[in-house]
Amino acid sequence: MLRWLLAIVIAGIVSAFAFLLLTGEYVNDGAVLVQLSEDRGIHEGDLFITTGWAIALLSEAGLLFMGTRGRN
Protein backbone atom coordinates (compact mmCIF):
# COMPACT_ATOMS: atom_id res chain seq x y z
CA MET A 1 0.00 0.00 0.00
CA LEU A 2 2.80 2.39 0.87
CA ARG A 3 4.49 1.64 -2.48
CA TRP A 4 1.38 2.77 -4.39
CA LEU A 5 0.98 5.90 -2.27
CA LEU A 6 4.58 6.89 -2.92
CA ALA A 7 4.16 6.16 -6.63
CA ILE A 8 1.13 8.46 -6.77
CA VAL A 9 3.06 11.21 -5.00
CA ILE A 10 6.00 10.88 -7.40
CA ALA A 11 3.72 10.88 -10.44
CA GLY A 12 1.94 13.99 -9.16
CA ILE A 13 5.18 15.87 -8.55
CA VAL A 14 6.69 14.93 -11.93
CA SER A 15 3.45 15.88 -13.69
CA ALA A 16 3.25 19.21 -11.87
CA PHE A 17 6.83 20.08 -12.85
CA ALA A 18 6.15 19.10 -16.47
CA PHE A 19 2.99 21.23 -16.48
CA LEU A 20 4.86 24.24 -15.09
CA LEU A 21 7.64 23.85 -17.65
CA LEU A 22 5.24 23.46 -20.56
CA THR A 23 3.09 26.47 -19.65
CA GLY A 24 5.95 28.79 -18.72
CA GLU A 25 8.39 30.73 -20.83
CA TYR A 26 12.07 29.96 -20.58
CA VAL A 27 15.26 30.84 -22.45
CA ASN A 28 15.65 27.67 -24.54
CA ASP A 29 12.13 27.26 -25.88
CA GLY A 30 13.49 26.40 -29.31
CA ALA A 31 11.72 26.77 -32.60
CA VAL A 32 7.93 26.66 -32.73
CA LEU A 33 6.80 23.34 -34.19
CA VAL A 34 3.02 23.88 -33.95
CA GLN A 35 1.41 27.31 -33.55
CA LEU A 36 -1.63 27.08 -31.22
CA SER A 37 -2.40 30.81 -30.98
CA GLU A 38 -0.62 34.14 -31.43
CA ASP A 39 1.42 33.73 -28.26
CA ARG A 40 1.24 29.94 -27.66
CA GLY A 41 2.68 26.96 -29.45
CA ILE A 42 4.55 23.68 -29.12
CA HIS A 43 8.30 24.27 -29.09
CA GLU A 44 11.27 21.95 -29.53
CA GLY A 45 11.97 22.28 -25.80
CA ASP A 46 8.48 20.97 -25.01
CA LEU A 47 9.32 17.68 -26.72
CA PHE A 48 12.31 17.24 -24.40
CA ILE A 49 10.12 17.90 -21.34
CA THR A 50 7.36 15.51 -22.37
CA THR A 51 9.88 12.79 -23.26
CA GLY A 52 11.49 13.09 -19.82
CA TRP A 53 8.07 13.04 -18.15
CA ALA A 54 7.06 9.88 -20.04
CA ILE A 55 10.34 8.12 -19.24
CA ALA A 56 9.98 8.98 -15.52
CA LEU A 57 6.43 7.63 -15.33
CA LEU A 58 7.26 4.48 -17.32
CA SER A 59 10.25 3.84 -15.06
CA GLU A 60 8.07 4.27 -12.00
CA ALA A 61 5.48 1.84 -13.40
CA GLY A 62 8.24 -0.66 -14.14
CA LEU A 63 9.50 -0.47 -10.56
CA LEU A 64 6.00 -0.90 -9.18
CA PHE A 65 5.14 -3.93 -11.25
CA MET A 66 8.58 -5.52 -11.01
CA GLY A 67 8.31 -5.55 -7.21
CA THR A 68 5.04 -7.52 -7.22
CA ARG A 69 6.24 -10.49 -9.29
CA GLY A 70 7.86 -12.37 -6.41
CA ARG A 71 4.85 -12.11 -4.08
CA ASN A 72 2.44 -14.41 -5.96
C-alpha atoms as a PDB file:
ATOM      1  CA  MET A   1       0.000   0.000   0.000  1.00  0.00           C
ATOM      2  CA  LEU A   2       2.800   2.394   0.869  1.00  0.00           C
ATOM      3  CA  ARG A   3       4.491   1.645  -2.475  1.00  0.00           C
ATOM      4  CA  TRP A   4       1.384   2.770  -4.393  1.00  0.00           C
ATOM      5  CA  LEU A   5       0.979   5.897  -2.268  1.00  0.00           C
ATOM      6  CA  LEU A   6       4.577   6.893  -2.915  1.00  0.00           C
ATOM      7  CA  ALA A   7       4.164   6.165  -6.631  1.00  0.00           C
ATOM      8  CA  ILE A   8       1.129   8.460  -6.774  1.00  0.00           C
ATOM      9  CA  VAL A   9       3.056  11.208  -4.995  1.00  0.00           C
ATOM     10  CA  ILE A  10       6.004  10.885  -7.395  1.00  0.00           C
ATOM     11  CA  ALA A  11       3.720  10.875 -10.438  1.00  0.00           C
ATOM     12  CA  GLY A  12       1.944  13.986  -9.159  1.00  0.00           C
ATOM     13  CA  ILE A  13       5.178  15.870  -8.549  1.00  0.00           C
ATOM     14  CA  VAL A  14       6.691  14.931 -11.931  1.00  0.00           C
ATOM     15  CA  SER A  15       3.448  15.875 -13.687  1.00  0.00           C
ATOM     16  CA  ALA A  16       3.250  19.212 -11.866  1.00  0.00           C
ATOM     17  CA  PHE A  17       6.827  20.081 -12.854  1.00  0.00           C
ATOM     18  CA  ALA A  18       6.153  19.099 -16.471  1.00  0.00           C
ATOM     19  CA  PHE A  19       2.985  21.233 -16.482  1.00  0.00           C
ATOM     20  CA  LEU A  20       4.864  24.236 -15.089  1.00  0.00           C
ATOM     21  CA  LEU A  21       7.640  23.847 -17.646  1.00  0.00           C
ATOM     22  CA  LEU A  22       5.239  23.461 -20.563  1.00  0.00           C
ATOM     23  CA  THR A  23       3.093  26.470 -19.650  1.00  0.00           C
ATOM     24  CA  GLY A  24       5.954  28.790 -18.721  1.00  0.00           C
ATOM     25  CA  GLU A  25       8.392  30.730 -20.830  1.00  0.00           C
ATOM     26  CA  TYR A  26      12.072  29.961 -20.583  1.00  0.00           C
ATOM     27  CA  VAL A  27      15.256  30.839 -22.446  1.00  0.00           C
ATOM     28  CA  ASN A  28      15.652  27.674 -24.538  1.00  0.00           C
ATOM     29  CA  ASP A  29      12.129  27.259 -25.885  1.00  0.00           C
ATOM     30  CA  GLY A  30      13.493  26.397 -29.309  1.00  0.00           C
ATOM     31  CA  ALA A  31      11.718  26.767 -32.595  1.00  0.00           C
ATOM     32  CA  VAL A  32       7.927  26.665 -32.732  1.00  0.00           C
ATOM     33  CA  LEU A  33       6.798  23.336 -34.194  1.00  0.00           C
ATOM     34  CA  VAL A  34       3.018  23.883 -33.949  1.00  0.00           C
ATOM     35  CA  GLN A  35       1.412  27.308 -33.548  1.00  0.00           C
ATOM     36  CA  LEU A  36      -1.627  27.077 -31.218  1.00  0.00           C
ATOM     37  CA  SER A  37      -2.403  30.810 -30.979  1.00  0.00           C
ATOM     38  CA  GLU A  38      -0.615  34.136 -31.431  1.00  0.00           C
ATOM     39  CA  ASP A  39       1.423  33.729 -28.260  1.00  0.00           C
ATOM     40  CA  ARG A  40       1.242  29.941 -27.663  1.00  0.00           C
ATOM     41  CA  GLY A  41       2.680  26.959 -29.446  1.00  0.00           C
ATOM     42  CA  ILE A  42       4.551  23.685 -29.120  1.00  0.00           C
ATOM     43  CA  HIS A  43       8.303  24.267 -29.092  1.00  0.00           C
ATOM     44  CA  GLU A  44      11.271  21.949 -29.534  1.00  0.00           C
ATOM     45  CA  GLY A  45      11.971  22.278 -25.805  1.00  0.00           C
ATOM     46  CA  ASP A  46       8.484  20.974 -25.006  1.00  0.00           C
ATOM     47  CA  LEU A  47       9.317  17.678 -26.716  1.00  0.00           C
ATOM     48  CA  PHE A  48      12.313  17.244 -24.400  1.00  0.00           C
ATOM     49  CA  ILE A  49      10.118  17.900 -21.340  1.00  0.00           C
ATOM     50  CA  THR A  50       7.357  15.506 -22.372  1.00  0.00           C
ATOM     51  CA  THR A  51       9.880  12.793 -23.259  1.00  0.00           C
ATOM     52  CA  GLY A  52      11.490  13.089 -19.817  1.00  0.00           C
ATOM     53  CA  TRP A  53       8.074  13.043 -18.152  1.00  0.00           C
ATOM     54  CA  ALA A  54       7.061   9.884 -20.043  1.00  0.00           C
ATOM     55  CA  ILE A  55      10.339   8.119 -19.236  1.00  0.00           C
ATOM     56  CA  ALA A  56       9.976   8.981 -15.523  1.00  0.00           C
ATOM     57  CA  LEU A  57       6.427   7.630 -15.333  1.00  0.00           C
ATOM     58  CA  LEU A  58       7.257   4.484 -17.319  1.00  0.00           C
ATOM     59  CA  SER A  59      10.250   3.840 -15.056  1.00  0.00           C
ATOM     60  CA  GLU A  60       8.067   4.270 -12.000  1.00  0.00           C
ATOM     61  CA  ALA A  61       5.481   1.843 -13.396  1.00  0.00           C
ATOM     62  CA  GLY A  62       8.240  -0.657 -14.143  1.00  0.00           C
ATOM     63  CA  LEU A  63       9.499  -0.467 -10.562  1.00  0.00           C
ATOM     64  CA  LEU A  64       5.998  -0.897  -9.182  1.00  0.00           C
ATOM     65  CA  PHE A  65       5.135  -3.932 -11.252  1.00  0.00           C
ATOM     66  CA  MET A  66       8.580  -5.522 -11.012  1.00  0.00           C
ATOM     67  CA  GLY A  67       8.309  -5.547  -7.212  1.00  0.00           C
ATOM     68  CA  THR A  68       5.037  -7.517  -7.218  1.00  0.00           C
ATOM     69  CA  ARG A  69       6.241 -10.491  -9.289  1.00  0.00           C
ATOM     70  CA  GLY A  70       7.856 -12.373  -6.409  1.00  0.00           C
ATOM     71  CA  ARG A  71       4.850 -12.110  -4.079  1.00  0.00           C
ATOM     72  CA  ASN A  72       2.440 -14.408  -5.963  1.00  0.00           C
END
